[in-house]
C-alpha atoms as a PDB file:
ATOM      1  CA  MET A   1      22.340  26.063 -54.180  1.00  0.00           C
ATOM      2  CA  ILE A   2      19.662  28.524 -55.207  1.00  0.00           C
ATOM      3  CA  LYS A   3      19.913  32.053 -53.820  1.00  0.00           C
ATOM      4  CA  PRO A   4      16.651  34.058 -54.086  1.00  0.00           C
ATOM      5  CA  LEU A   5      16.795  37.762 -54.936  1.00  0.00           C
ATOM      6  CA  ALA A   6      15.027  40.740 -53.338  1.00  0.00           C
ATOM      7  CA  ASP A   7      11.972  39.663 -51.299  1.00  0.00           C
ATOM      8  CA  ARG A   8      11.733  36.103 -52.606  1.00  0.00           C
ATOM      9  CA  VAL A   9      12.102  32.878 -50.619  1.00  0.00           C
ATOM     10  CA  LEU A  10      12.874  29.283 -51.553  1.00  0.00           C
ATOM     11  CA  VAL A  11      10.458  26.847 -49.902  1.00  0.00           C
ATOM     12  CA  GLU A  12      10.542  23.059 -49.745  1.00  0.00           C
ATOM     13  CA  PRO A  13       6.874  21.984 -49.698  1.00  0.00           C
ATOM     14  CA  LYS A  14       5.730  19.429 -47.136  1.00  0.00           C
ATOM     15  CA  GLU A  15       4.825  16.064 -48.646  1.00  0.00           C
ATOM     16  CA  ALA A  16       1.121  15.571 -49.411  1.00  0.00           C
ATOM     17  CA  GLU A  17      -0.777  13.249 -47.082  1.00  0.00           C
ATOM     18  CA  THR A  18      -0.993   9.685 -48.407  1.00  0.00           C
ATOM     19  CA  LYS A  19      -3.427   8.323 -45.823  1.00  0.00           C
ATOM     20  CA  THR A  20      -6.534   9.741 -44.146  1.00  0.00           C
ATOM     21  CA  ALA A  21      -7.054   9.821 -40.372  1.00  0.00           C
ATOM     22  CA  GLY A  22      -9.293   6.764 -40.783  1.00  0.00           C
ATOM     23  CA  GLY A  23      -6.513   4.774 -42.484  1.00  0.00           C
ATOM     24  CA  LEU A  24      -7.679   5.010 -46.111  1.00  0.00           C
ATOM     25  CA  TYR A  25      -5.013   5.556 -48.768  1.00  0.00           C
ATOM     26  CA  ILE A  26      -5.440   8.616 -50.976  1.00  0.00           C
ATOM     27  CA  PRO A  27      -4.725   8.075 -54.707  1.00  0.00           C
ATOM     28  CA  ASP A  28      -2.308  10.485 -56.431  1.00  0.00           C
ATOM     29  CA  THR A  29      -5.132  12.019 -58.459  1.00  0.00           C
ATOM     30  CA  ALA A  30      -7.056  13.027 -55.312  1.00  0.00           C
ATOM     31  CA  LYS A  31      -4.174  14.411 -53.233  1.00  0.00           C
ATOM     32  CA  GLU A  32      -4.404  18.065 -52.290  1.00  0.00           C
ATOM     33  CA  LYS A  33      -1.527  20.376 -53.063  1.00  0.00           C
ATOM     34  CA  PRO A  34       0.438  21.065 -49.848  1.00  0.00           C
ATOM     35  CA  GLN A  35       0.151  24.559 -48.363  1.00  0.00           C
ATOM     36  CA  GLN A  36       2.933  24.210 -45.806  1.00  0.00           C
ATOM     37  CA  GLY A  37       6.689  24.090 -46.208  1.00  0.00           C
ATOM     38  CA  THR A  38      10.114  24.974 -44.823  1.00  0.00           C
ATOM     39  CA  VAL A  39      12.108  28.025 -45.884  1.00  0.00           C
ATOM     40  CA  LEU A  40      15.473  26.890 -47.292  1.00  0.00           C
ATOM     41  CA  ALA A  41      16.782  30.285 -48.445  1.00  0.00           C
ATOM     42  CA  ALA A  42      15.644  33.895 -48.309  1.00  0.00           C
ATOM     43  CA  GLY A  43      16.671  36.983 -50.257  1.00  0.00           C
ATOM     44  CA  PRO A  44      17.955  40.157 -48.591  1.00  0.00           C
ATOM     45  CA  GLY A  45      14.590  41.939 -48.791  1.00  0.00           C
ATOM     46  CA  LYS A  46      13.803  45.373 -50.207  1.00  0.00           C
ATOM     47  CA  LYS A  47      14.797  48.793 -48.881  1.00  0.00           C
ATOM     48  CA  ASP A  48      11.301  49.586 -47.653  1.00  0.00           C
ATOM     49  CA  GLU A  49      10.345  45.984 -46.785  1.00  0.00           C
ATOM     50  CA  PRO A  50      12.767  43.918 -44.653  1.00  0.00           C
ATOM     51  CA  MET A  51      12.525  40.116 -44.654  1.00  0.00           C
ATOM     52  CA  GLU A  52      10.335  38.758 -41.864  1.00  0.00           C
ATOM     53  CA  VAL A  53      10.998  35.075 -42.552  1.00  0.00           C
ATOM     54  CA  LYS A  54      14.317  33.327 -42.120  1.00  0.00           C
ATOM     55  CA  VAL A  55      15.870  30.013 -43.077  1.00  0.00           C
ATOM     56  CA  GLY A  56      14.295  27.140 -41.147  1.00  0.00           C
ATOM     57  CA  ASP A  57      10.886  28.783 -40.619  1.00  0.00           C
ATOM     58  CA  VAL A  58       7.853  26.581 -41.301  1.00  0.00           C
ATOM     59  CA  VAL A  59       5.384  28.656 -43.294  1.00  0.00           C
ATOM     60  CA  LEU A  60       1.828  28.490 -44.624  1.00  0.00           C
ATOM     61  CA  TYR A  61       1.168  29.826 -48.114  1.00  0.00           C
ATOM     62  CA  GLY A  62      -1.695  30.023 -50.591  1.00  0.00           C
ATOM     63  CA  LYS A  63      -2.629  26.964 -52.631  1.00  0.00           C
ATOM     64  CA  TYR A  64      -1.490  28.473 -55.945  1.00  0.00           C
ATOM     65  CA  SER A  65       1.369  30.657 -54.634  1.00  0.00           C
ATOM     66  CA  GLY A  66       4.852  30.667 -56.058  1.00  0.00           C
ATOM     67  CA  THR A  67       6.585  29.096 -59.011  1.00  0.00           C
ATOM     68  CA  GLU A  68       7.383  25.389 -58.942  1.00  0.00           C
ATOM     69  CA  ILE A  69      10.931  24.418 -59.886  1.00  0.00           C
ATOM     70  CA  THR A  70      12.795  21.104 -59.894  1.00  0.00           C
ATOM     71  CA  VAL A  71      16.506  20.944 -59.065  1.00  0.00           C
ATOM     72  CA  ASP A  72      18.357  17.621 -58.911  1.00  0.00           C
ATOM     73  CA  GLY A  73      15.039  15.746 -58.823  1.00  0.00           C
ATOM     74  CA  LYS A  74      13.632  17.675 -55.822  1.00  0.00           C
ATOM     75  CA  ASN A  75      10.648  20.017 -56.049  1.00  0.00           C
ATOM     76  CA  TYR A  76      10.803  23.538 -54.620  1.00  0.00           C
ATOM     77  CA  LEU A  77       8.751  26.712 -54.708  1.00  0.00           C
ATOM     78  CA  ILE A  78      10.072  30.235 -55.191  1.00  0.00           C
ATOM     79  CA  MET A  79       7.634  32.861 -53.959  1.00  0.00           C
ATOM     80  CA  LYS A  80       7.501  36.441 -52.791  1.00  0.00           C
ATOM     81  CA  GLN A  81       7.432  37.050 -49.059  1.00  0.00           C
ATOM     82  CA  SER A  82       3.973  38.596 -49.486  1.00  0.00           C
ATOM     83  CA  ASP A  83       2.626  35.191 -50.672  1.00  0.00           C
ATOM     84  CA  ILE A  84       3.379  33.711 -47.256  1.00  0.00           C
ATOM     85  CA  LEU A  85       0.323  33.802 -45.012  1.00  0.00           C
ATOM     86  CA  ALA A  86       1.826  32.791 -41.644  1.00  0.00           C
ATOM     87  CA  THR A  87       4.729  31.139 -39.862  1.00  0.00           C
ATOM     88  CA  LEU A  88       4.291  28.210 -37.498  1.00  0.00           C
END
């Protein structure tokens, strides 16, 4: 498993919507990048900045936040805690 360092977190992004509220299917080229995900792992934080998120938190983050990685065919994001906008 991946263990983030310092103030970084590992997030599993929520799947993009495939259908609109009206029932229309959205093609892959028109899907929006998800901005919500679940924290799978969190680093220990920094001396002057403790971690505010924990494993299992559902978080909102900026559209272009973090670095995308693929491990065993699954997509994840590694981002700094400061890239997280809110927890749900």
